[in-house]
Protein backbone atom coordinates (compact mmCIF):
# COMPACT_ATOMS: atom_id res chain seq x y z
CA UNK A 1 109.71 25.42 50.57
CA UNK A 2 106.68 23.51 51.71
CA UNK A 3 105.18 24.54 55.02
CA UNK A 4 105.48 27.77 56.91
CA UNK A 5 108.05 26.34 59.31
CA UNK A 6 110.83 26.35 56.73
CA UNK A 7 113.12 29.20 55.92
CA UNK A 8 113.09 30.33 52.27
CA UNK A 9 114.95 27.88 50.07
CA UNK A 10 117.09 28.84 47.10
CA UNK A 11 116.94 26.80 43.89
CA UNK A 12 117.95 23.19 43.88
CA UNK A 13 138.78 32.36 87.43
CA UNK A 14 137.73 35.91 85.78
CA UNK A 15 135.13 38.48 87.03
CA UNK A 16 132.66 37.28 84.43
CA UNK A 17 133.14 33.69 85.49
CA UNK A 18 132.76 34.43 89.18
CA UNK A 19 129.48 36.34 88.68
CA UNK A 20 127.90 33.79 86.37
CA UNK A 21 129.05 30.81 88.40
CA UNK A 22 127.20 32.25 91.40
CA UNK A 23 123.90 31.69 89.60
CA UNK A 24 122.11 28.41 90.40
CA UNK A 25 122.67 25.96 87.51
CA UNK A 26 119.64 24.62 85.64
CA UNK A 27 118.58 21.26 87.15
CA UNK A 28 118.82 19.64 83.71
CA UNK A 29 122.55 20.42 83.64
CA UNK A 30 123.40 18.81 86.97
CA UNK A 31 120.71 16.19 87.61
CA UNK A 32 120.42 13.36 85.05
CA UNK A 33 116.89 12.53 86.19
CA UNK A 34 115.73 16.12 85.53
CA UNK A 35 117.17 16.08 82.02
CA UNK A 36 115.66 12.66 81.34
CA UNK A 37 112.19 13.77 82.46
CA UNK A 38 112.37 16.87 80.28
CA UNK A 39 113.46 14.81 77.28
CA UNK A 40 110.45 12.54 77.77
CA UNK A 41 107.93 15.38 77.49
CA UNK A 42 108.05 15.81 73.67
CA UNK A 43 108.12 12.02 73.21
CA UNK A 44 105.04 11.52 75.38
CA UNK A 45 103.27 14.40 73.64
CA UNK A 46 104.17 12.90 70.27
CA UNK A 47 102.66 9.52 71.17
CA UNK A 48 99.61 11.14 72.75
CA UNK A 49 99.02 13.31 69.68
CA UNK A 50 99.38 10.34 67.33
CA UNK A 51 96.86 8.35 69.37
CA UNK A 52 94.33 11.15 69.75
CA UNK A 53 94.56 12.34 66.15
CA UNK A 54 93.05 9.06 65.00
CA UNK A 55 89.78 10.09 66.61
CA UNK A 56 89.94 13.87 66.19
CA UNK A 57 91.62 14.90 62.93
CA UNK A 58 93.87 12.23 61.32
CA UNK A 59 95.08 14.67 58.66
CA UNK A 60 96.55 17.22 61.07
CA UNK A 61 100.32 17.10 61.24
CA UNK A 62 101.93 16.09 64.52
CA UNK A 63 104.08 19.08 65.64
CA UNK A 64 106.28 17.26 68.17
CA UNK A 65 108.71 15.35 65.90
CA UNK A 66 110.53 18.68 65.36
CA UNK A 67 112.12 18.24 68.80
CA UNK A 68 113.92 14.99 67.93
CA UNK A 69 113.74 14.73 64.13
CA UNK A 70 115.20 17.08 61.53
CA UNK A 71 112.65 19.39 59.88
CA UNK A 72 112.46 21.21 56.58
CA UNK A 73 111.95 18.41 54.07
CA UNK A 74 112.28 19.72 50.52
CA UNK A 75 109.04 18.71 48.77
CA UNK A 76 110.77 18.27 45.41
CA UNK A 77 113.29 15.74 46.79
CA UNK A 78 112.71 12.07 46.12
CA UNK A 79 111.94 9.40 48.69
CA UNK A 80 115.14 7.62 47.71
CA UNK A 81 117.23 10.75 48.31
CA UNK A 82 115.39 13.05 50.75
CA UNK A 83 116.86 16.52 51.22
CA UNK A 84 116.35 19.04 53.98
CA UNK A 85 116.69 22.81 54.08
CA UNK A 86 117.04 25.30 56.92
CA UNK A 87 113.91 25.57 59.04
CA UNK A 88 112.71 27.69 61.93
CA UNK A 89 111.96 24.40 63.69
CA UNK A 90 115.71 23.77 63.83
CA UNK A 91 115.68 25.93 66.96
CA UNK A 92 113.51 23.36 68.74
CA UNK A 93 115.84 20.57 67.65
CA UNK A 94 118.88 22.42 69.02
CA UNK A 95 117.19 23.26 72.34
CA UNK A 96 116.05 19.67 72.81
CA UNK A 97 119.53 18.30 72.19
CA UNK A 98 121.12 20.78 74.57
CA UNK A 99 119.16 18.93 77.26
CA UNK A 100 120.10 15.61 75.62
CA UNK A 101 123.82 16.37 75.89
CA UNK A 102 123.35 17.50 79.48
CA UNK A 103 121.94 14.05 80.24
CA UNK A 104 124.69 12.23 78.34
CA UNK A 105 127.41 14.32 79.99
CA UNK A 106 126.16 13.55 83.49
CA UNK A 107 125.70 9.84 82.80
CA UNK A 108 129.21 9.47 81.42
CA UNK A 109 131.03 11.66 83.92
CA UNK A 110 129.21 10.36 87.02
CA UNK A 111 127.95 6.87 86.26
CA UNK A 112 130.74 5.65 83.99
CA UNK A 113 133.96 7.59 84.51
CA UNK A 114 133.83 8.10 88.27
CA UNK A 115 133.87 4.33 89.04
CA UNK A 116 136.63 3.86 86.45
CA UNK A 117 138.67 6.63 88.04
CA UNK A 118 138.28 5.10 91.47
CA UNK A 119 139.29 1.72 90.06
CA UNK A 120 142.55 3.27 88.88
CA UNK A 121 143.16 4.75 92.31
CA UNK A 122 141.92 8.33 92.00
CA UNK A 123 140.45 9.56 95.27
CA UNK A 124 140.46 13.35 95.30
CA UNK A 125 137.23 14.94 94.12
CA UNK A 126 139.00 17.38 91.79
CA UNK A 127 140.81 14.59 90.00
CA UNK A 128 137.65 12.52 89.66
CA UNK A 129 135.80 15.48 88.17
CA UNK A 130 138.60 16.14 85.68
CA UNK A 131 138.78 12.45 84.82
CA UNK A 132 135.03 12.41 84.15
CA UNK A 133 135.22 15.52 81.97
CA UNK A 134 137.96 14.03 79.83
CA UNK A 135 136.20 10.66 79.64
CA UNK A 136 133.11 12.41 78.29
CA UNK A 137 135.31 14.32 75.84
CA UNK A 138 136.84 11.08 74.52
CA UNK A 139 133.42 9.52 73.92
CA UNK A 140 131.91 12.61 72.30
CA UNK A 141 134.81 13.64 70.08
CA UNK A 142 135.58 10.08 68.96
CA UNK A 143 131.95 9.49 67.94
CA UNK A 144 131.39 12.83 66.23
CA UNK A 145 134.86 12.90 64.70
CA UNK A 146 134.09 9.60 62.97
CA UNK A 147 130.59 10.77 61.99
CA UNK A 148 131.98 14.01 60.60
CA UNK A 149 134.60 12.16 58.59
CA UNK A 150 131.97 9.92 57.00
CA UNK A 151 129.71 12.94 56.34
CA UNK A 152 132.40 14.85 54.43
CA UNK A 153 134.43 11.95 53.05
CA UNK A 154 133.77 12.76 49.42
CA UNK A 155 135.24 16.26 49.62
CA UNK A 156 137.44 16.45 52.71
CA UNK A 157 140.29 17.27 53.06
CA UNK A 158 141.18 17.81 49.42
CA UNK A 159 138.46 20.23 48.31
CA UNK A 160 136.29 22.11 50.78
CA UNK A 161 134.06 24.30 48.66
CA UNK A 162 133.18 22.13 45.67
CA UNK A 163 133.79 18.75 44.15
CA UNK A 164 135.00 20.22 40.87
CA UNK A 165 137.32 23.10 41.75
CA UNK A 166 138.45 25.21 40.04
CA UNK A 167 135.23 24.86 38.02
CA UNK A 168 133.10 25.59 41.10
CA UNK A 169 131.18 28.31 39.25
CA UNK A 170 129.75 25.60 37.00
CA UNK A 171 128.92 23.20 39.83
CA UNK A 172 125.11 23.05 40.17
CA UNK A 173 125.44 21.41 43.61
CA UNK A 174 127.06 24.46 45.21
CA UNK A 175 126.12 26.34 47.33
CA UNK A 176 124.50 23.43 49.16
CA UNK A 177 120.98 24.77 49.58
CA UNK A 178 119.74 21.44 50.86
CA UNK A 179 121.31 18.70 52.95
CA UNK A 180 121.05 14.98 53.42
CA UNK A 181 119.19 14.19 56.65
CA UNK A 182 122.22 12.66 58.35
CA UNK A 183 124.30 15.73 57.46
CA UNK A 184 121.73 18.13 58.88
CA UNK A 185 121.30 16.07 62.05
CA UNK A 186 125.06 15.98 62.52
CA UNK A 187 125.37 19.73 62.04
CA UNK A 188 122.57 20.64 64.43
CA UNK A 189 123.68 18.16 67.09
CA UNK A 190 127.15 19.68 66.97
CA UNK A 191 125.60 23.10 67.40
CA UNK A 192 123.65 21.79 70.40
CA UNK A 193 126.81 20.37 71.95
CA UNK A 194 128.72 23.64 71.71
CA UNK A 195 125.77 25.58 73.13
CA UNK A 196 125.60 23.15 76.04
CA UNK A 197 129.36 23.36 76.62
CA UNK A 198 129.20 27.14 76.65
CA UNK A 199 126.47 26.96 79.31
CA UNK A 200 128.63 24.58 81.35
CA UNK A 201 131.59 26.91 81.02
CA UNK A 202 129.99 30.26 81.84
CA UNK A 203 127.98 28.85 84.77
CA UNK A 204 131.13 27.35 86.26
CA UNK A 205 129.85 23.76 86.22
CA UNK A 206 133.42 22.72 85.43
CA UNK A 207 136.34 23.95 87.49
CA UNK A 208 137.97 26.79 85.49
CA UNK A 209 141.42 26.37 84.04
CA UNK A 210 144.09 28.99 83.58
CA UNK A 211 142.99 29.45 79.95
CA UNK A 212 139.36 30.09 80.92
CA UNK A 213 139.15 33.27 78.82
CA UNK A 214 140.56 31.49 75.78
CA UNK A 215 138.04 28.67 76.22
CA UNK A 216 135.11 31.10 76.42
CA UNK A 217 136.42 32.91 73.32
CA UNK A 218 136.84 29.58 71.53
CA UNK A 219 133.24 28.55 72.26
CA UNK A 220 131.81 31.92 71.20
CA UNK A 221 133.83 31.94 67.96
CA UNK A 222 132.83 28.34 67.24
CA UNK A 223 129.13 29.20 67.61
CA UNK A 224 129.67 32.30 65.45
CA UNK A 225 131.18 30.14 62.73
CA UNK A 226 128.56 27.41 63.04
CA UNK A 227 125.64 29.83 62.86
CA UNK A 228 126.83 31.80 59.86
CA UNK A 229 128.10 28.81 57.90
CA UNK A 230 124.67 27.23 58.38
CA UNK A 231 122.82 30.39 57.30
CA UNK A 232 125.12 30.89 54.30
CA UNK A 233 124.77 27.29 53.10
CA UNK A 234 128.47 26.61 53.71
CA UNK A 235 127.79 23.43 55.64
CA UNK A 236 130.68 21.50 54.11
CA UNK A 237 133.07 24.13 55.41
CA UNK A 238 131.42 23.91 58.82
CA UNK A 239 131.65 20.12 58.81
CA UNK A 240 135.31 20.28 57.84
CA UNK A 241 136.03 22.64 60.74
CA UNK A 242 134.05 20.42 63.11
CA UNK A 243 136.05 17.39 62.08
CA UNK A 244 139.38 19.21 62.25
CA UNK A 245 138.56 19.98 65.90
CA UNK A 246 136.96 16.71 66.99
CA UNK A 247 139.63 14.25 65.86
CA UNK A 248 142.61 15.92 67.60
CA UNK A 249 140.46 16.65 70.67
CA UNK A 250 139.84 12.91 70.98
CA UNK A 251 143.56 12.28 71.32
CA UNK A 252 143.98 15.27 73.63
CA UNK A 253 141.35 13.97 76.04
CA UNK A 254 142.77 10.44 75.88
CA UNK A 255 146.26 11.75 76.71
CA UNK A 256 144.80 13.58 79.70
CA UNK A 257 143.13 10.41 80.94
CA UNK A 258 146.49 8.64 80.86
CA UNK A 259 147.99 11.60 82.68
CA UNK A 260 145.39 11.48 85.47
CA UNK A 261 145.95 7.77 86.13
CA UNK A 262 149.71 8.42 85.78
CA UNK A 263 150.59 5.86 83.14
CA UNK A 264 153.78 7.77 82.54
CA UNK A 265 155.23 5.91 79.56
CA UNK A 266 151.89 5.58 77.76
CA UNK A 267 151.00 9.23 78.28
CA UNK A 268 154.29 10.40 76.75
CA UNK A 269 153.77 8.35 73.58
CA UNK A 270 150.10 9.35 73.47
CA UNK A 271 150.98 13.02 73.77
CA UNK A 272 153.56 12.80 70.98
CA UNK A 273 150.96 11.16 68.72
CA UNK A 274 148.42 13.81 69.70
CA UNK A 275 150.91 16.58 68.93
CA UNK A 276 151.31 15.34 65.36
CA UNK A 277 147.57 14.87 64.86
CA UNK A 278 146.82 18.33 66.27
CA UNK A 279 149.47 19.90 64.02
CA UNK A 280 147.90 18.33 60.94
CA UNK A 281 144.20 18.93 61.69
CA UNK A 282 144.20 22.14 63.71
CA UNK A 283 146.84 23.98 61.71
CA UNK A 284 147.61 22.50 58.28
CA UNK A 285 144.00 21.65 57.43
CA UNK A 286 142.60 24.78 59.08
CA UNK A 287 144.95 26.90 56.98
CA UNK A 288 143.83 24.92 53.93
CA UNK A 289 140.22 25.72 54.82
CA UNK A 290 141.10 29.40 55.19
CA UNK A 291 142.72 29.33 51.75
CA UNK A 292 139.61 27.68 50.32
CA UNK A 293 137.27 30.28 51.85
CA UNK A 294 139.42 33.14 50.57
CA UNK A 295 140.09 31.90 47.03
CA UNK A 296 137.24 29.51 46.15
CA UNK A 297 134.22 31.46 47.36
CA UNK A 298 134.62 33.92 44.42
CA UNK A 299 133.99 30.91 42.16
CA UNK A 300 130.43 30.63 43.44
CA UNK A 301 127.62 31.32 40.97
CA UNK A 302 126.68 34.99 40.75
CA UNK A 303 123.10 34.03 41.62
CA UNK A 304 124.36 33.06 45.08
CA UNK A 305 126.23 36.32 45.76
CA UNK A 306 123.18 38.31 46.78
CA UNK A 307 121.08 39.02 49.86
CA UNK A 308 117.64 37.64 49.07
CA UNK A 309 115.67 36.33 52.01
CA UNK A 310 112.84 35.10 49.76
CA UNK A 311 115.24 32.52 48.31
CA UNK A 312 117.22 31.83 51.48
CA UNK A 313 120.32 33.50 49.97
CA UNK A 314 122.26 35.73 52.38
CA UNK A 315 125.64 35.98 50.69
CA UNK A 316 126.24 39.69 50.18
CA UNK A 317 129.76 40.80 49.24
CA UNK A 318 130.77 41.32 52.89
CA UNK A 319 129.35 38.01 54.16
CA UNK A 320 132.41 35.79 53.44
CA UNK A 321 134.08 37.60 56.34
CA UNK A 322 131.51 36.00 58.66
CA UNK A 323 133.13 32.67 57.83
CA UNK A 324 136.74 33.69 57.23
CA UNK A 325 137.12 35.75 60.41
CA UNK A 326 135.94 33.11 62.92
CA UNK A 327 138.15 30.46 61.30
CA UNK A 328 141.08 32.88 61.48
CA UNK A 329 140.30 33.65 65.13
CA UNK A 330 140.10 29.94 65.91
CA UNK A 331 143.52 29.57 64.32
CA UNK A 332 144.89 32.30 66.60
CA UNK A 333 143.50 30.55 69.69
CA UNK A 334 144.88 27.25 68.40
CA UNK A 335 148.30 28.84 68.01
CA UNK A 336 148.19 29.96 71.64
CA UNK A 337 147.44 26.40 72.72
CA UNK A 338 150.06 25.12 70.28
CA UNK A 339 152.65 27.21 72.09
CA UNK A 340 151.65 25.60 75.40
CA UNK A 341 151.79 22.18 73.77
CA UNK A 342 155.29 22.83 72.45
CA UNK A 343 156.39 23.68 75.98
CA UNK A 344 154.86 20.43 77.27
CA UNK A 345 156.45 18.45 74.42
CA UNK A 346 159.87 19.93 75.15
CA UNK A 347 159.45 19.16 78.85
CA UNK A 348 158.39 15.59 78.06
CA UNK A 349 161.46 15.07 75.90
CA UNK A 350 163.80 16.50 78.53
CA UNK A 351 162.17 15.14 81.70
CA UNK A 352 159.53 12.55 80.55
CA UNK A 353 156.85 14.68 82.25
CA UNK A 354 153.77 15.78 80.31
CA UNK A 355 151.72 17.68 82.91
CA UNK A 356 149.22 20.16 81.49
CA UNK A 357 150.12 23.52 83.03
CA UNK A 358 146.61 24.86 82.30
CA UNK A 359 144.69 22.61 84.66
CA UNK A 360 146.55 20.01 86.66
CA UNK A 361 147.82 22.43 89.26
CA UNK A 362 144.29 23.72 89.77
CA UNK A 363 142.99 20.43 91.20
CA UNK A 364 142.87 19.49 94.84
CA UNK A 365 146.57 18.73 94.96
CA UNK A 366 148.45 15.76 93.59
CA UNK A 367 146.63 12.45 93.72
CA UNK A 368 148.84 9.43 93.39
CA UNK A 369 146.80 6.47 92.13
CA UNK A 370 146.56 3.89 94.86
CA UNK A 371 146.70 0.16 94.51
CA UNK A 372 143.14 -0.89 93.68
CA UNK A 373 143.33 -3.58 96.35
CA UNK A 374 144.35 -1.05 98.99
CA UNK A 375 141.61 0.17 101.28
CA UNK A 376 140.52 3.80 101.07
């Protein structure tokens, strides 16, 4: 690797919640203007450095792009096809985008979704907060679900590990020691999002649901999977898992929006569609990924099955468990939620009601949407 900033590159409710929620939240997580000001700091420093370097030392590299641009360019890669490896500067990128997602979350939930919720007749604060949370979820998961699909289109969902299975041991492109810039940006921004969501969850910035413990476990396991898949150069597996979560979560959040504004017929059809999409992505494809991790990883080149920090190779014989176990745990959590969904689906078939038993009864009471022409 070129530069010291790059990691070595191989060859081409609950008691916990109540205590943490008592802590004052970071201003950047609740005040859009605070997040925006903090995001401006590296940009201003970048421009200032670029201007001053012309008169001081034009050859000295500007250190501030690492906050908002991916780092770790592989020197041997061509200008037509630049490739990036893991870098210690990735930490700065992730931290910067945690603040970025805090800003985006507040802008969407407060400035966009709250007026929309009021337009559809929602008045209670709890309902408006939930409506904003789900509106943000629709925007985020729809965008990143589509981005993830494009990023992994050539291999997903048919082959996860290699393009040439079962000849993966002869595939010079695997493990994927380097990444295209858009793939690395996507991966690190996803990591930033889940870190930010975990902060929101443990600090109680969102009203806890009945499955609070399962949500915390889900976020921890997701970060476990993301971190190790990134370190072990299994980014295509990580992208596949990302996408298998984002696409069904888009439909879940959209169904909840319909539920909050009480479009009864639409929400029933939306939930049925979501149920099928969730079944396919969160269970069928996740099990397919588990099968791939278990049976295709042994096809990796022997040169990759070592622990050698000088080459950025950390795949000792016990390391596949660091990918298999979190995916398996995610499947267990998904099965728990699948059971709740089956109950809701059965209730919707029998009574045409699709209320989410995890959260709706935790709001400030029922909130019938009012006629938008009716005065408050």
